């Protein structure tokens, strides 16, 4: 039976928090009155994330699991392609974002196709180390320059979509890691999807990052821009479906 709502959690080494995330999410979802499914995509975790989910007996929870870490973007795409809900919400599984905000994002889908969280929205409540904030702003400058996206923030891990409207977009996405969000939004804009930015309550707990990750993210961004503006391959694929 199809569900009204699918929640997709990409998870990598989240054995300590994943059950708490699930419990909090279920409490919020029960207040919506929607029929729902929670899809956990175990992206090659090296800890017991997979076992924790398997030992949690709940018919509304679906586990997608593979042994090699591929990337958050790949995990989100797998979750979307396996989702049955009319609406799909993507949410980080590390509890940095307050799951109680889901209802606000679902209501906003009456006015748009893709609702995204923005750390830079004037009403957002965000606790992020200065260096992360600075790098986020700098990355957004390059995103605007290379893709033409006029959005304040592309990377925050909460997005709600109307599945039918985004289905063609997900067919042509290829980025597997952190620049996946940019690719998703750039292709969605190209396809005419209505995107709305909303405020978010976020407290960043994991401040670890590496220069190598930043470099790879930038290279992925260049790849998106090249396919978008030079090859125009996204446009060709989208309108040939």
C-alpha atoms as a PDB file:
ATOM      1  CA  UNK A   1       0.000   0.000   0.000  1.00  0.00           C
ATOM      2  CA  UNK A   2       1.342   3.443  -0.960  1.00  0.00           C
ATOM      3  CA  UNK A   3       2.106   5.898   1.815  1.00  0.00           C
ATOM      4  CA  UNK A   4       1.370   9.602   1.912  1.00  0.00           C
ATOM      5  CA  UNK A   5       4.802  10.430   3.253  1.00  0.00           C
ATOM      6  CA  UNK A   6       8.300   8.937   2.977  1.00  0.00           C
ATOM      7  CA  UNK A   7      11.123  10.104   5.236  1.00  0.00           C
ATOM      8  CA  UNK A   8      14.611   9.302   3.928  1.00  0.00           C
ATOM      9  CA  UNK A   9      17.575   9.222   6.313  1.00  0.00           C
ATOM     10  CA  UNK A  10      21.029   8.709   4.770  1.00  0.00           C
ATOM     11  CA  UNK A  11      23.115   7.125   7.520  1.00  0.00           C
ATOM     12  CA  UNK A  12      26.837   6.554   7.893  1.00  0.00           C
ATOM     13  CA  UNK A  13      28.164   5.339  11.260  1.00  0.00           C
ATOM     14  CA  UNK A  14      25.092   6.500  13.195  1.00  0.00           C
ATOM     15  CA  UNK A  15      24.669   3.578  15.624  1.00  0.00           C
ATOM     16  CA  UNK A  16      24.663   5.931  18.633  1.00  0.00           C
ATOM     17  CA  UNK A  17      21.961   8.294  17.394  1.00  0.00           C
ATOM     18  CA  UNK A  18      19.851   6.494  14.792  1.00  0.00           C
ATOM     19  CA  UNK A  19      17.261   5.069  17.201  1.00  0.00           C
ATOM     20  CA  UNK A  20      16.828   8.417  18.913  1.00  0.00           C
ATOM     21  CA  UNK A  21      16.365   9.983  15.492  1.00  0.00           C
ATOM     22  CA  UNK A  22      13.724   7.387  14.615  1.00  0.00           C
ATOM     23  CA  UNK A  23      11.829   7.811  17.903  1.00  0.00           C
ATOM     24  CA  UNK A  24      11.733  11.589  17.589  1.00  0.00           C
ATOM     25  CA  UNK A  25      10.634  11.362  13.972  1.00  0.00           C
ATOM     26  CA  UNK A  26       7.840   8.876  14.698  1.00  0.00           C
ATOM     27  CA  UNK A  27       6.503  11.158  17.426  1.00  0.00           C
ATOM     28  CA  UNK A  28       6.355  14.065  14.968  1.00  0.00           C
ATOM     29  CA  UNK A  29       4.859  11.956  12.159  1.00  0.00           C
ATOM     30  CA  UNK A  30       2.101  10.575  14.385  1.00  0.00           C
ATOM     31  CA  UNK A  31       0.952  14.147  14.896  1.00  0.00           C
ATOM     32  CA  UNK A  32       0.595  14.729  11.137  1.00  0.00           C
ATOM     33  CA  UNK A  33      -2.070  12.064  10.622  1.00  0.00           C
ATOM     34  CA  UNK A  34      -0.287  10.933   7.448  1.00  0.00           C
ATOM     35  CA  UNK A  35       0.430   7.318   6.640  1.00  0.00           C
ATOM     36  CA  UNK A  36       4.206   7.121   6.420  1.00  0.00           C
ATOM     37  CA  UNK A  37       7.329   5.072   5.927  1.00  0.00           C
ATOM     38  CA  UNK A  38      10.813   5.760   7.245  1.00  0.00           C
ATOM     39  CA  UNK A  39      13.605   4.721   4.891  1.00  0.00           C
ATOM     40  CA  UNK A  40      17.061   4.339   6.417  1.00  0.00           C
ATOM     41  CA  UNK A  41      19.810   4.121   3.805  1.00  0.00           C
ATOM     42  CA  UNK A  42      22.864   2.592   5.447  1.00  0.00           C
ATOM     43  CA  UNK A  43      25.656   3.961   3.297  1.00  0.00           C
ATOM     44  CA  UNK A  44      28.367   1.399   4.028  1.00  0.00           C
ATOM     45  CA  UNK A  45      28.618   2.096   7.764  1.00  0.00           C
ATOM     46  CA  UNK A  46      31.568   0.537   9.577  1.00  0.00           C
ATOM     47  CA  UNK A  47      29.771   0.408  12.916  1.00  0.00           C
ATOM     48  CA  UNK A  48      26.546  -1.373  13.961  1.00  0.00           C
ATOM     49  CA  UNK A  49      24.102   1.004  12.259  1.00  0.00           C
ATOM     50  CA  UNK A  50      22.672  -1.785  10.114  1.00  0.00           C
ATOM     51  CA  UNK A  51      22.243  -4.190  13.042  1.00  0.00           C
ATOM     52  CA  UNK A  52      20.570  -1.528  15.198  1.00  0.00           C
ATOM     53  CA  UNK A  53      17.950  -0.962  12.502  1.00  0.00           C
ATOM     54  CA  UNK A  54      17.403  -4.662  11.852  1.00  0.00           C
ATOM     55  CA  UNK A  55      16.830  -5.240  15.572  1.00  0.00           C
ATOM     56  CA  UNK A  56      14.220  -2.495  15.707  1.00  0.00           C
ATOM     57  CA  UNK A  57      10.963  -4.195  14.765  1.00  0.00           C
ATOM     58  CA  UNK A  58       8.697  -1.604  13.145  1.00  0.00           C
ATOM     59  CA  UNK A  59       6.650  -2.219  10.016  1.00  0.00           C
ATOM     60  CA  UNK A  60       6.938   1.424   8.968  1.00  0.00           C
ATOM     61  CA  UNK A  61      10.732   1.261   8.743  1.00  0.00           C
ATOM     62  CA  UNK A  62      12.485   0.157   5.560  1.00  0.00           C
ATOM     63  CA  UNK A  63      16.240  -0.498   5.477  1.00  0.00           C
ATOM     64  CA  UNK A  64      18.377  -0.112   2.377  1.00  0.00           C
ATOM     65  CA  UNK A  65      21.928  -1.224   3.070  1.00  0.00           C
ATOM     66  CA  UNK A  66      25.153  -1.797   1.160  1.00  0.00           C
ATOM     67  CA  UNK A  67      28.668  -2.576   2.325  1.00  0.00           C
ATOM     68  CA  UNK A  68      30.762   0.174   0.682  1.00  0.00           C
ATOM     69  CA  UNK A  69      30.440   3.852   1.547  1.00  0.00           C
ATOM     70  CA  UNK A  70      29.409   5.568  -1.696  1.00  0.00           C
ATOM     71  CA  UNK A  71      28.275   8.988  -0.501  1.00  0.00           C
ATOM     72  CA  UNK A  72      25.366  10.929   0.922  1.00  0.00           C
ATOM     73  CA  UNK A  73      24.067  11.927  -2.506  1.00  0.00           C
ATOM     74  CA  UNK A  74      23.914   8.315  -3.647  1.00  0.00           C
ATOM     75  CA  UNK A  75      22.120   7.347  -0.431  1.00  0.00           C
ATOM     76  CA  UNK A  76      19.501  10.057  -0.860  1.00  0.00           C
ATOM     77  CA  UNK A  77      18.918   9.060  -4.474  1.00  0.00           C
ATOM     78  CA  UNK A  78      18.467   5.401  -3.497  1.00  0.00           C
ATOM     79  CA  UNK A  79      16.006   6.434  -0.806  1.00  0.00           C
ATOM     80  CA  UNK A  80      13.994   8.550  -3.229  1.00  0.00           C
ATOM     81  CA  UNK A  81      13.880   5.853  -5.914  1.00  0.00           C
ATOM     82  CA  UNK A  82      12.527   3.370  -3.343  1.00  0.00           C
ATOM     83  CA  UNK A  83      10.072   5.791  -1.723  1.00  0.00           C
ATOM     84  CA  UNK A  84       6.331   5.180  -2.098  1.00  0.00           C
ATOM     85  CA  UNK A  85       5.033   8.402  -0.579  1.00  0.00           C
ATOM     86  CA  UNK A  86       3.352  11.249  -2.391  1.00  0.00           C
ATOM     87  CA  UNK A  87       5.692  13.510  -0.427  1.00  0.00           C
ATOM     88  CA  UNK A  88       9.327  12.723   0.369  1.00  0.00           C
ATOM     89  CA  UNK A  89      11.438  14.383   3.065  1.00  0.00           C
ATOM     90  CA  UNK A  90      15.231  14.070   3.194  1.00  0.00           C
ATOM     91  CA  UNK A  91      16.733  14.628   6.615  1.00  0.00           C
ATOM     92  CA  UNK A  92      20.198  14.126   8.088  1.00  0.00           C
ATOM     93  CA  UNK A  93      20.223  11.357  10.669  1.00  0.00           C
ATOM     94  CA  UNK A  94      22.644  12.966  13.152  1.00  0.00           C
ATOM     95  CA  UNK A  95      20.058  15.047  15.100  1.00  0.00           C
ATOM     96  CA  UNK A  96      21.659  18.365  14.109  1.00  0.00           C
ATOM     97  CA  UNK A  97      18.316  19.505  12.674  1.00  0.00           C
ATOM     98  CA  UNK A  98      15.168  19.663  14.784  1.00  0.00           C
ATOM     99  CA  UNK A  99      12.807  17.047  13.297  1.00  0.00           C
ATOM    100  CA  UNK A 100       9.769  18.935  14.621  1.00  0.00           C
ATOM    101  CA  UNK A 101      10.170  21.238  11.613  1.00  0.00           C
ATOM    102  CA  UNK A 102       8.940  18.518   9.244  1.00  0.00           C
ATOM    103  CA  UNK A 103       5.322  19.671   9.557  1.00  0.00           C
ATOM    104  CA  UNK A 104       6.193  23.206   8.431  1.00  0.00           C
ATOM    105  CA  UNK A 105       7.958  21.885   5.352  1.00  0.00           C
ATOM    106  CA  UNK A 106       5.090  19.562   4.469  1.00  0.00           C
ATOM    107  CA  UNK A 107       2.599  22.422   4.635  1.00  0.00           C
ATOM    108  CA  UNK A 108       4.825  24.477   2.346  1.00  0.00           C
ATOM    109  CA  UNK A 109       4.491  21.816  -0.364  1.00  0.00           C
ATOM    110  CA  UNK A 110       1.050  23.250  -1.083  1.00  0.00           C
ATOM    111  CA  UNK A 111       2.904  26.244  -2.570  1.00  0.00           C
ATOM    112  CA  UNK A 112       5.956  24.617  -4.139  1.00  0.00           C
ATOM    113  CA  UNK A 113       7.504  21.388  -5.403  1.00  0.00           C
ATOM    114  CA  UNK A 114      10.823  21.463  -3.529  1.00  0.00           C
ATOM    115  CA  UNK A 115      11.163  23.025  -0.092  1.00  0.00           C
ATOM    116  CA  UNK A 116      14.710  23.493   1.194  1.00  0.00           C
ATOM    117  CA  UNK A 117      16.174  24.535   4.531  1.00  0.00           C
ATOM    118  CA  UNK A 118      18.404  27.595   4.480  1.00  0.00           C
ATOM    119  CA  UNK A 119      20.874  28.458   7.225  1.00  0.00           C
ATOM    120  CA  UNK A 120      20.944  32.013   5.879  1.00  0.00           C
ATOM    121  CA  UNK A 121      17.198  32.605   6.029  1.00  0.00           C
ATOM    122  CA  UNK A 122      16.558  35.643   8.280  1.00  0.00           C
ATOM    123  CA  UNK A 123      14.392  33.548  10.612  1.00  0.00           C
ATOM    124  CA  UNK A 124      16.815  30.614  10.938  1.00  0.00           C
ATOM    125  CA  UNK A 125      18.289  29.716  14.318  1.00  0.00           C
ATOM    126  CA  UNK A 126      21.731  28.303  13.653  1.00  0.00           C
ATOM    127  CA  UNK A 127      24.710  27.399  15.832  1.00  0.00           C
ATOM    128  CA  UNK A 128      27.641  26.729  13.526  1.00  0.00           C
ATOM    129  CA  UNK A 129      31.383  27.355  14.084  1.00  0.00           C
ATOM    130  CA  UNK A 130      32.613  30.458  12.268  1.00  0.00           C
ATOM    131  CA  UNK A 131      34.908  28.556   9.895  1.00  0.00           C
ATOM    132  CA  UNK A 132      32.056  26.308   8.742  1.00  0.00           C
ATOM    133  CA  UNK A 133      29.835  29.356   8.302  1.00  0.00           C
ATOM    134  CA  UNK A 134      32.519  31.134   6.268  1.00  0.00           C
ATOM    135  CA  UNK A 135      33.194  28.129   4.034  1.00  0.00           C
ATOM    136  CA  UNK A 136      29.461  27.699   3.472  1.00  0.00           C
ATOM    137  CA  UNK A 137      29.154  31.317   2.358  1.00  0.00           C
ATOM    138  CA  UNK A 138      32.187  31.006   0.092  1.00  0.00           C
ATOM    139  CA  UNK A 139      30.885  27.800  -1.479  1.00  0.00           C
ATOM    140  CA  UNK A 140      27.537  29.473  -2.125  1.00  0.00           C
ATOM    141  CA  UNK A 141      29.308  32.259  -4.033  1.00  0.00           C
ATOM    142  CA  UNK A 142      30.820  29.663  -6.364  1.00  0.00           C
ATOM    143  CA  UNK A 143      27.470  27.854  -6.668  1.00  0.00           C
ATOM    144  CA  UNK A 144      25.749  31.047  -7.818  1.00  0.00           C
ATOM    145  CA  UNK A 145      28.603  31.883 -10.195  1.00  0.00           C
ATOM    146  CA  UNK A 146      28.871  28.447 -11.821  1.00  0.00           C
ATOM    147  CA  UNK A 147      25.232  27.306 -11.904  1.00  0.00           C
ATOM    148  CA  UNK A 148      23.099  30.450 -11.790  1.00  0.00           C
ATOM    149  CA  UNK A 149      21.203  29.206  -8.735  1.00  0.00           C
ATOM    150  CA  UNK A 150      19.845  32.209  -6.845  1.00  0.00           C
ATOM    151  CA  UNK A 151      19.566  30.468  -3.477  1.00  0.00           C
ATOM    152  CA  UNK A 152      21.122  31.492  -0.169  1.00  0.00           C
ATOM    153  CA  UNK A 153      22.003  27.948   0.887  1.00  0.00           C
ATOM    154  CA  UNK A 154      22.048  24.604  -0.922  1.00  0.00           C
ATOM    155  CA  UNK A 155      23.700  22.291   1.599  1.00  0.00           C
ATOM    156  CA  UNK A 156      21.469  22.111   4.690  1.00  0.00           C
ATOM    157  CA  UNK A 157      20.248  18.551   5.257  1.00  0.00           C
ATOM    158  CA  UNK A 158      16.480  19.068   5.240  1.00  0.00           C
ATOM    159  CA  UNK A 159      14.469  19.077   2.042  1.00  0.00           C
ATOM    160  CA  UNK A 160      10.834  18.178   1.253  1.00  0.00           C
ATOM    161  CA  UNK A 161       9.625  17.332  -2.243  1.00  0.00           C
ATOM    162  CA  UNK A 162       6.555  16.287  -4.168  1.00  0.00           C
ATOM    163  CA  UNK A 163       7.726  12.938  -5.510  1.00  0.00           C
ATOM    164  CA  UNK A 164       5.882  13.132  -8.825  1.00  0.00           C
ATOM    165  CA  UNK A 165       7.351  16.558  -9.622  1.00  0.00           C
ATOM    166  CA  UNK A 166      10.935  15.504  -8.856  1.00  0.00           C
ATOM    167  CA  UNK A 167      10.877  11.982 -10.340  1.00  0.00           C
ATOM    168  CA  UNK A 168      12.331  13.022 -13.749  1.00  0.00           C
ATOM    169  CA  UNK A 169      15.024  15.081 -12.034  1.00  0.00           C
ATOM    170  CA  UNK A 170      16.265  12.134  -9.973  1.00  0.00           C
ATOM    171  CA  UNK A 171      16.585  10.041 -13.123  1.00  0.00           C
ATOM    172  CA  UNK A 172      19.447  12.203 -14.421  1.00  0.00           C
ATOM    173  CA  UNK A 173      21.442  12.931 -11.251  1.00  0.00           C
ATOM    174  CA  UNK A 174      24.968  11.519 -11.015  1.00  0.00           C
ATOM    175  CA  UNK A 175      26.853  13.206  -8.138  1.00  0.00           C
ATOM    176  CA  UNK A 176      27.277  10.758  -5.279  1.00  0.00           C
ATOM    177  CA  UNK A 177      28.686  12.896  -2.508  1.00  0.00           C
ATOM    178  CA  UNK A 178      28.268  16.350  -0.983  1.00  0.00           C
ATOM    179  CA  UNK A 179      27.730  18.443  -4.134  1.00  0.00           C
ATOM    180  CA  UNK A 180      24.659  16.296  -4.789  1.00  0.00           C
ATOM    181  CA  UNK A 181      22.463  19.047  -3.323  1.00  0.00           C
ATOM    182  CA  UNK A 182      23.755  21.558  -5.865  1.00  0.00           C
ATOM    183  CA  UNK A 183      23.126  19.142  -8.723  1.00  0.00           C
ATOM    184  CA  UNK A 184      19.622  18.384  -7.466  1.00  0.00           C
ATOM    185  CA  UNK A 185      18.698  22.064  -7.201  1.00  0.00           C
ATOM    186  CA  UNK A 186      20.331  23.089 -10.483  1.00  0.00           C
ATOM    187  CA  UNK A 187      18.570  20.345 -12.437  1.00  0.00           C
ATOM    188  CA  UNK A 188      15.280  20.997 -10.634  1.00  0.00           C
ATOM    189  CA  UNK A 189      15.473  24.674 -11.583  1.00  0.00           C
ATOM    190  CA  UNK A 190      16.262  23.714 -15.183  1.00  0.00           C
ATOM    191  CA  UNK A 191      13.173  21.485 -15.216  1.00  0.00           C
ATOM    192  CA  UNK A 192      10.941  24.285 -13.935  1.00  0.00           C
ATOM    193  CA  UNK A 193      10.456  22.950 -10.412  1.00  0.00           C
ATOM    194  CA  UNK A 194       9.280  25.608  -7.953  1.00  0.00           C
ATOM    195  CA  UNK A 195      11.831  25.885  -5.130  1.00  0.00           C
ATOM    196  CA  UNK A 196      11.082  27.586  -1.802  1.00  0.00           C
ATOM    197  CA  UNK A 197      13.596  28.349   0.971  1.00  0.00           C
ATOM    198  CA  UNK A 198      12.443  28.095   4.584  1.00  0.00           C
ATOM    199  CA  UNK A 199      14.149  28.838   7.906  1.00  0.00           C
ATOM    200  CA  UNK A 200      15.724  26.033   9.893  1.00  0.00           C
ATOM    201  CA  UNK A 201      16.712  25.350  13.475  1.00  0.00           C
ATOM    202  CA  UNK A 202      20.140  23.746  13.361  1.00  0.00           C
ATOM    203  CA  UNK A 203      22.877  22.992  15.851  1.00  0.00           C
ATOM    204  CA  UNK A 204      25.953  21.563  14.195  1.00  0.00           C
ATOM    205  CA  UNK A 205      27.538  18.931  16.424  1.00  0.00           C
ATOM    206  CA  UNK A 206      30.075  17.353  14.068  1.00  0.00           C
ATOM    207  CA  UNK A 207      32.552  20.056  13.062  1.00  0.00           C
ATOM    208  CA  UNK A 208      35.101  17.716  11.484  1.00  0.00           C
ATOM    209  CA  UNK A 209      35.959  18.212   7.834  1.00  0.00           C
ATOM    210  CA  UNK A 210      39.051  17.885   5.689  1.00  0.00           C
ATOM    211  CA  UNK A 211      40.698  19.920   2.952  1.00  0.00           C
ATOM    212  CA  UNK A 212      40.412  16.830   0.759  1.00  0.00           C
ATOM    213  CA  UNK A 213      36.613  16.780   1.158  1.00  0.00           C
ATOM    214  CA  UNK A 214      36.385  20.488   0.324  1.00  0.00           C
ATOM    215  CA  UNK A 215      38.513  19.944  -2.791  1.00  0.00           C
ATOM    216  CA  UNK A 216      36.368  17.021  -3.951  1.00  0.00           C
ATOM    217  CA  UNK A 217      33.214  19.046  -3.370  1.00  0.00           C
ATOM    218  CA  UNK A 218      34.591  21.859  -5.517  1.00  0.00           C
ATOM    219  CA  UNK A 219      35.557  19.427  -8.297  1.00  0.00           C
ATOM    220  CA  UNK A 220      32.020  17.977  -8.200  1.00  0.00           C
ATOM    221  CA  UNK A 221      30.629  21.505  -8.478  1.00  0.00           C
ATOM    222  CA  UNK A 222      32.746  22.140 -11.565  1.00  0.00           C
ATOM    223  CA  UNK A 223      31.415  18.893 -13.036  1.00  0.00           C
ATOM    224  CA  UNK A 224      27.822  19.977 -12.443  1.00  0.00           C
ATOM    225  CA  UNK A 225      28.501  23.366 -14.067  1.00  0.00           C
ATOM    226  CA  UNK A 226      30.184  21.709 -17.059  1.00  0.00           C
ATOM    227  CA  UNK A 227      27.255  19.338 -17.657  1.00  0.00           C
ATOM    228  CA  UNK A 228      24.745  22.116 -17.046  1.00  0.00           C
ATOM    229  CA  UNK A 229      26.194  24.940 -19.128  1.00  0.00           C
ATOM    230  CA  UNK A 230      28.713  23.485 -21.594  1.00  0.00           C
ATOM    231  CA  UNK A 231      27.484  20.010 -22.474  1.00  0.00           C
ATOM    232  CA  UNK A 232      23.849  20.832 -21.574  1.00  0.00           C
ATOM    233  CA  UNK A 233      23.512  17.112 -20.910  1.00  0.00           C
ATOM    234  CA  UNK A 234      20.964  17.558 -18.122  1.00  0.00           C
ATOM    235  CA  UNK A 235      18.655  19.421 -20.491  1.00  0.00           C
ATOM    236  CA  UNK A 236      19.052  16.791 -23.187  1.00  0.00           C
ATOM    237  CA  UNK A 237      18.346  13.938 -20.772  1.00  0.00           C
ATOM    238  CA  UNK A 238      15.427  15.623 -19.028  1.00  0.00           C
ATOM    239  CA  UNK A 239      13.506  16.443 -22.135  1.00  0.00           C
ATOM    240  CA  UNK A 240      14.110  13.085 -23.760  1.00  0.00           C
ATOM    241  CA  UNK A 241      12.452  11.143 -20.923  1.00  0.00           C
END
